[in-house]
Amino acid sequence: MAPRERTQTQRKRPGGPAGAIKRRNCFFCKDKIVEVDYKNITQLRRYISEKGKIRSRRITGACRRHQVQIAQAVKRAREMALLPYVAEGSEERSGGRRDRGDRGDRDRGDR
């Protein structure tokens, strides 16, 4: 038996030149900032979501080295009470969930 010959057709991969994503450069590398300052809260707020979570590198555009420094700076700023751990009023927004203490007397009723 003769080996099969492969056809020379190339498959197009999705996300080629037509769907190119704009590469975001690291803000700290652009300004040649060596270390992220935990006391600069206005700068750190850019890297925290509305809920208080640290945003990922994919969203912020920070490089790996500076993203680690951002996470450490946010942790330190939270410990020093410069940044909140969660968003204010987050209890009211949670909606569907409730504590076990909110059940009332219906579970303990006379049977």
N, C-alpha and C. Protein backbone atom coordinates (compact mmCIF):
# COMPACT_ATOMS: atom_id res chain seq x y z
N MET A 1 0.82 -1.19 0.00
CA MET A 1 0.00 0.00 0.00
C MET A 1 0.86 1.25 0.00
N ALA A 2 0.44 2.20 -0.74
CA ALA A 2 1.14 3.48 -0.80
C ALA A 2 0.66 4.39 0.32
N PRO A 3 1.55 5.15 0.93
CA PRO A 3 1.12 6.07 2.00
C PRO A 3 0.24 7.18 1.43
N ARG A 4 -0.67 7.64 2.27
CA ARG A 4 -1.58 8.70 1.81
C ARG A 4 -0.83 10.01 1.65
N GLU A 5 -1.19 10.72 0.62
CA GLU A 5 -0.58 12.03 0.41
C GLU A 5 -1.45 13.07 1.09
N ARG A 6 -0.80 13.97 1.79
CA ARG A 6 -1.53 15.04 2.46
C ARG A 6 -1.77 16.17 1.49
N THR A 7 -2.94 16.71 1.57
CA THR A 7 -3.25 17.85 0.71
C THR A 7 -2.61 19.10 1.31
N GLN A 8 -2.24 20.01 0.49
CA GLN A 8 -1.54 21.21 0.93
C GLN A 8 -2.49 22.37 1.27
N THR A 9 -3.73 22.05 1.60
CA THR A 9 -4.65 23.14 1.97
C THR A 9 -4.39 23.53 3.41
N GLN A 10 -4.32 24.81 3.64
CA GLN A 10 -4.10 25.31 4.99
C GLN A 10 -5.43 25.74 5.59
N ARG A 11 -5.60 25.40 6.82
CA ARG A 11 -6.81 25.80 7.52
C ARG A 11 -6.60 27.19 8.11
N LYS A 12 -7.65 27.99 8.03
CA LYS A 12 -7.56 29.32 8.63
C LYS A 12 -7.96 29.23 10.10
N ARG A 13 -7.14 29.80 10.92
CA ARG A 13 -7.44 29.80 12.34
C ARG A 13 -8.24 31.05 12.71
N PRO A 14 -9.18 30.88 13.62
CA PRO A 14 -9.95 32.07 14.03
C PRO A 14 -9.07 33.04 14.81
N GLY A 15 -9.41 34.31 14.73
CA GLY A 15 -8.67 35.32 15.46
C GLY A 15 -7.41 35.77 14.75
N GLY A 16 -7.43 35.66 13.43
CA GLY A 16 -6.29 36.10 12.65
C GLY A 16 -6.23 37.62 12.57
N PRO A 17 -5.72 38.15 11.48
CA PRO A 17 -5.58 39.60 11.35
C PRO A 17 -6.90 40.36 11.46
N ALA A 18 -7.98 39.75 11.02
CA ALA A 18 -9.27 40.45 11.06
C ALA A 18 -9.75 40.65 12.50
N GLY A 19 -9.48 39.67 13.37
CA GLY A 19 -9.94 39.76 14.74
C GLY A 19 -8.82 40.05 15.73
N ALA A 20 -7.83 40.82 15.30
CA ALA A 20 -6.68 41.08 16.17
C ALA A 20 -7.10 41.92 17.37
N ILE A 21 -6.61 41.53 18.54
CA ILE A 21 -6.91 42.26 19.77
C ILE A 21 -5.78 43.25 20.02
N LYS A 22 -6.16 44.45 20.41
CA LYS A 22 -5.17 45.47 20.70
C LYS A 22 -4.38 45.08 21.95
N ARG A 23 -3.10 45.00 21.83
CA ARG A 23 -2.23 44.61 22.94
C ARG A 23 -2.11 45.79 23.90
N ARG A 24 -2.41 45.54 25.18
CA ARG A 24 -2.31 46.59 26.19
C ARG A 24 -0.94 46.49 26.85
N ASN A 25 -0.28 47.61 26.91
CA ASN A 25 1.03 47.63 27.53
C ASN A 25 0.90 47.95 29.02
N CYS A 26 1.86 47.51 29.77
CA CYS A 26 1.86 47.72 31.21
C CYS A 26 2.11 49.20 31.51
N PHE A 27 1.23 49.78 32.34
CA PHE A 27 1.34 51.18 32.72
C PHE A 27 2.64 51.44 33.46
N PHE A 28 3.04 50.54 34.33
CA PHE A 28 4.23 50.72 35.14
C PHE A 28 5.50 50.58 34.31
N CYS A 29 5.48 49.70 33.32
CA CYS A 29 6.65 49.56 32.45
C CYS A 29 6.80 50.78 31.55
N LYS A 30 5.68 51.35 31.10
CA LYS A 30 5.74 52.55 30.26
C LYS A 30 6.39 53.70 31.01
N ASP A 31 5.98 53.92 32.25
CA ASP A 31 6.50 55.03 33.04
C ASP A 31 7.77 54.67 33.79
N LYS A 32 8.29 53.46 33.56
CA LYS A 32 9.52 52.98 34.17
C LYS A 32 9.46 53.04 35.70
N ILE A 33 8.32 52.60 36.26
CA ILE A 33 8.14 52.52 37.70
C ILE A 33 8.62 51.15 38.13
N VAL A 34 9.57 51.13 39.04
CA VAL A 34 10.18 49.87 39.46
C VAL A 34 9.27 49.13 40.43
N GLU A 35 8.70 49.85 41.40
CA GLU A 35 7.91 49.22 42.43
C GLU A 35 6.59 49.96 42.62
N VAL A 36 5.51 49.19 42.83
CA VAL A 36 4.18 49.77 43.02
C VAL A 36 4.05 50.25 44.46
N ASP A 37 3.57 51.48 44.65
CA ASP A 37 3.45 52.07 45.98
C ASP A 37 2.07 51.76 46.55
N TYR A 38 2.02 51.16 47.72
CA TYR A 38 0.74 50.80 48.33
C TYR A 38 0.02 52.01 48.89
N LYS A 39 0.71 53.13 49.07
CA LYS A 39 0.08 54.34 49.62
C LYS A 39 -0.62 55.16 48.55
N ASN A 40 -0.36 54.87 47.28
CA ASN A 40 -1.00 55.60 46.18
C ASN A 40 -2.33 54.92 45.86
N ILE A 41 -3.36 55.32 46.57
CA ILE A 41 -4.65 54.63 46.49
C ILE A 41 -5.37 54.91 45.18
N THR A 42 -5.23 56.11 44.66
CA THR A 42 -5.90 56.44 43.39
C THR A 42 -5.39 55.54 42.27
N GLN A 43 -4.11 55.21 42.31
CA GLN A 43 -3.54 54.33 41.30
C GLN A 43 -4.00 52.89 41.51
N LEU A 44 -4.08 52.45 42.76
CA LEU A 44 -4.49 51.07 43.03
C LEU A 44 -5.97 50.84 42.73
N ARG A 45 -6.80 51.86 42.83
CA ARG A 45 -8.24 51.70 42.55
C ARG A 45 -8.50 51.29 41.12
N ARG A 46 -7.60 51.58 40.21
CA ARG A 46 -7.75 51.15 38.81
C ARG A 46 -7.69 49.65 38.67
N TYR A 47 -7.05 48.99 39.62
CA TYR A 47 -6.83 47.55 39.55
C TYR A 47 -7.76 46.76 40.46
N ILE A 48 -8.81 47.41 40.98
CA ILE A 48 -9.77 46.76 41.85
C ILE A 48 -11.16 46.95 41.24
N SER A 49 -11.97 45.88 41.24
CA SER A 49 -13.32 45.95 40.68
C SER A 49 -14.25 46.64 41.66
N GLU A 50 -15.49 46.85 41.24
CA GLU A 50 -16.49 47.50 42.08
C GLU A 50 -16.80 46.67 43.33
N LYS A 51 -16.67 45.37 43.19
CA LYS A 51 -16.93 44.48 44.33
C LYS A 51 -15.75 44.40 45.28
N GLY A 52 -14.60 44.89 44.87
CA GLY A 52 -13.42 44.86 45.72
C GLY A 52 -12.43 43.79 45.33
N LYS A 53 -12.66 43.09 44.23
CA LYS A 53 -11.74 42.04 43.79
C LYS A 53 -10.59 42.66 42.99
N ILE A 54 -9.43 42.00 43.06
CA ILE A 54 -8.28 42.44 42.28
C ILE A 54 -8.49 41.96 40.84
N ARG A 55 -8.41 42.88 39.91
CA ARG A 55 -8.63 42.53 38.49
C ARG A 55 -7.44 41.77 37.94
N SER A 56 -7.70 40.93 36.94
CA SER A 56 -6.66 40.07 36.37
C SER A 56 -5.78 40.85 35.40
N ARG A 57 -4.67 40.25 35.06
CA ARG A 57 -3.73 40.84 34.10
C ARG A 57 -4.38 41.02 32.75
N ARG A 58 -5.22 40.09 32.39
CA ARG A 58 -5.88 40.14 31.09
C ARG A 58 -6.71 41.40 30.95
N ILE A 59 -7.32 41.83 32.04
CA ILE A 59 -8.19 43.01 32.01
C ILE A 59 -7.38 44.29 32.20
N THR A 60 -6.43 44.29 33.14
CA THR A 60 -5.70 45.52 33.45
C THR A 60 -4.58 45.82 32.46
N GLY A 61 -4.02 44.78 31.85
CA GLY A 61 -2.93 44.99 30.91
C GLY A 61 -1.57 45.08 31.59
N ALA A 62 -1.51 44.77 32.87
CA ALA A 62 -0.23 44.82 33.58
C ALA A 62 0.61 43.59 33.25
N CYS A 63 1.92 43.76 33.29
CA CYS A 63 2.80 42.61 33.05
C CYS A 63 2.81 41.72 34.29
N ARG A 64 3.40 40.57 34.18
CA ARG A 64 3.37 39.59 35.27
C ARG A 64 4.04 40.14 36.52
N ARG A 65 5.20 40.75 36.36
CA ARG A 65 5.94 41.26 37.51
C ARG A 65 5.16 42.34 38.26
N HIS A 66 4.57 43.26 37.51
CA HIS A 66 3.84 44.35 38.15
C HIS A 66 2.49 43.89 38.68
N GLN A 67 1.89 42.87 38.07
CA GLN A 67 0.62 42.37 38.59
C GLN A 67 0.81 41.75 39.98
N VAL A 68 1.92 41.07 40.18
CA VAL A 68 2.23 40.51 41.50
C VAL A 68 2.43 41.64 42.51
N GLN A 69 3.12 42.69 42.09
CA GLN A 69 3.34 43.83 42.97
C GLN A 69 2.04 44.55 43.28
N ILE A 70 1.12 44.62 42.30
CA ILE A 70 -0.19 45.23 42.53
C ILE A 70 -0.95 44.45 43.59
N ALA A 71 -0.95 43.12 43.47
CA ALA A 71 -1.66 42.29 44.43
C ALA A 71 -1.09 42.47 45.83
N GLN A 72 0.22 42.53 45.94
CA GLN A 72 0.85 42.73 47.25
C GLN A 72 0.54 44.11 47.80
N ALA A 73 0.53 45.13 46.93
CA ALA A 73 0.24 46.49 47.37
C ALA A 73 -1.21 46.62 47.84
N VAL A 74 -2.14 45.95 47.13
CA VAL A 74 -3.55 46.00 47.53
C VAL A 74 -3.73 45.31 48.87
N LYS A 75 -3.07 44.17 49.06
CA LYS A 75 -3.16 43.47 50.35
C LYS A 75 -2.63 44.34 51.48
N ARG A 76 -1.50 44.99 51.25
CA ARG A 76 -0.91 45.84 52.29
C ARG A 76 -1.79 47.05 52.56
N ALA A 77 -2.36 47.64 51.51
CA ALA A 77 -3.23 48.80 51.70
C ALA A 77 -4.51 48.42 52.44
N ARG A 78 -4.99 47.20 52.22
CA ARG A 78 -6.17 46.74 52.96
C ARG A 78 -5.84 46.52 54.43
N GLU A 79 -4.68 45.98 54.71
CA GLU A 79 -4.28 45.77 56.10
C GLU A 79 -4.10 47.09 56.83
N MET A 80 -3.64 48.11 56.12
CA MET A 80 -3.44 49.42 56.72
C MET A 80 -4.73 50.25 56.73
N ALA A 81 -5.82 49.65 56.28
CA ALA A 81 -7.15 50.28 56.21
C ALA A 81 -7.18 51.46 55.26
N LEU A 82 -6.36 51.41 54.21
CA LEU A 82 -6.42 52.44 53.18
C LEU A 82 -7.42 52.07 52.10
N LEU A 83 -7.62 50.76 51.90
CA LEU A 83 -8.60 50.25 50.94
C LEU A 83 -9.54 49.30 51.66
N PRO A 84 -10.81 49.25 51.24
CA PRO A 84 -11.74 48.30 51.86
C PRO A 84 -11.53 46.90 51.30
N TYR A 85 -11.90 45.90 52.10
CA TYR A 85 -11.83 44.51 51.64
C TYR A 85 -12.97 44.20 50.67
N VAL A 86 -14.15 44.78 50.91
CA VAL A 86 -15.31 44.59 50.04
C VAL A 86 -15.92 45.94 49.75
N ALA A 87 -16.82 45.97 48.77
CA ALA A 87 -17.50 47.21 48.41
C ALA A 87 -18.49 47.59 49.51
N GLU A 88 -18.70 48.88 49.68
CA GLU A 88 -19.64 49.34 50.69
C GLU A 88 -21.05 49.00 50.24
N GLY A 89 -21.87 48.52 51.17
CA GLY A 89 -23.26 48.18 50.85
C GLY A 89 -23.39 46.90 50.08
N SER A 90 -22.40 46.03 50.11
CA SER A 90 -22.47 44.79 49.34
C SER A 90 -23.50 43.82 49.91
N GLU A 91 -23.85 43.97 51.20
CA GLU A 91 -24.86 43.09 51.81
C GLU A 91 -26.22 43.32 51.17
N GLU A 92 -26.53 44.57 50.89
CA GLU A 92 -27.84 44.91 50.34
C GLU A 92 -27.98 44.42 48.90
N ARG A 93 -26.88 44.36 48.18
CA ARG A 93 -26.94 43.98 46.77
C ARG A 93 -27.04 42.48 46.56
N SER A 94 -26.71 41.69 47.57
CA SER A 94 -26.64 40.24 47.38
C SER A 94 -28.01 39.62 47.12
N GLY A 95 -29.08 40.28 47.47
CA GLY A 95 -30.42 39.89 47.07
C GLY A 95 -30.89 38.54 47.52
N GLY A 96 -30.68 37.48 46.71
CA GLY A 96 -31.30 36.19 46.93
C GLY A 96 -30.83 35.42 48.15
N ARG A 97 -29.65 35.64 48.62
CA ARG A 97 -29.13 34.87 49.75
C ARG A 97 -29.50 35.54 51.06
N ARG A 98 -29.71 34.72 52.08
CA ARG A 98 -29.97 35.26 53.40
C ARG A 98 -29.34 34.36 54.44
N ASP A 99 -29.13 34.91 55.61
CA ASP A 99 -28.50 34.15 56.68
C ASP A 99 -29.46 33.12 57.23
N ARG A 100 -28.92 32.15 57.93
CA ARG A 100 -29.75 31.12 58.55
C ARG A 100 -30.62 31.70 59.66
N GLY A 101 -30.19 32.79 60.25
CA GLY A 101 -30.95 33.40 61.32
C GLY A 101 -32.21 34.11 60.85
N ASP A 102 -32.36 34.31 59.53
CA ASP A 102 -33.52 35.03 59.00
C ASP A 102 -34.72 34.13 58.75
N ARG A 103 -34.65 32.87 59.10
CA ARG A 103 -35.74 31.96 58.80
C ARG A 103 -36.99 32.23 59.64
N GLY A 104 -36.80 32.78 60.80
CA GLY A 104 -37.95 33.04 61.65
C GLY A 104 -38.31 31.83 62.46
N ASP A 105 -39.57 31.77 62.94
CA ASP A 105 -40.02 30.69 63.81
C ASP A 105 -40.71 29.56 63.06
N ARG A 106 -40.78 29.60 61.76
CA ARG A 106 -41.54 28.58 61.04
C ARG A 106 -40.89 27.20 61.14
N ASP A 107 -39.55 27.13 61.30
CA ASP A 107 -38.90 25.83 61.44
C ASP A 107 -39.00 25.30 62.86
N ARG A 108 -39.20 26.15 63.81
CA ARG A 108 -39.28 25.72 65.20
C ARG A 108 -40.72 25.66 65.69
N GLY A 109 -41.67 25.66 64.84
CA GLY A 109 -43.07 25.70 65.24
C GLY A 109 -43.52 24.45 65.98
N ASP A 110 -44.65 24.53 66.66
CA ASP A 110 -45.21 23.39 67.40
C ASP A 110 -45.72 22.34 66.42
N ARG A 111 -45.36 21.09 66.66
CA ARG A 111 -45.79 20.03 65.75
C ARG A 111 -46.62 19.02 66.46
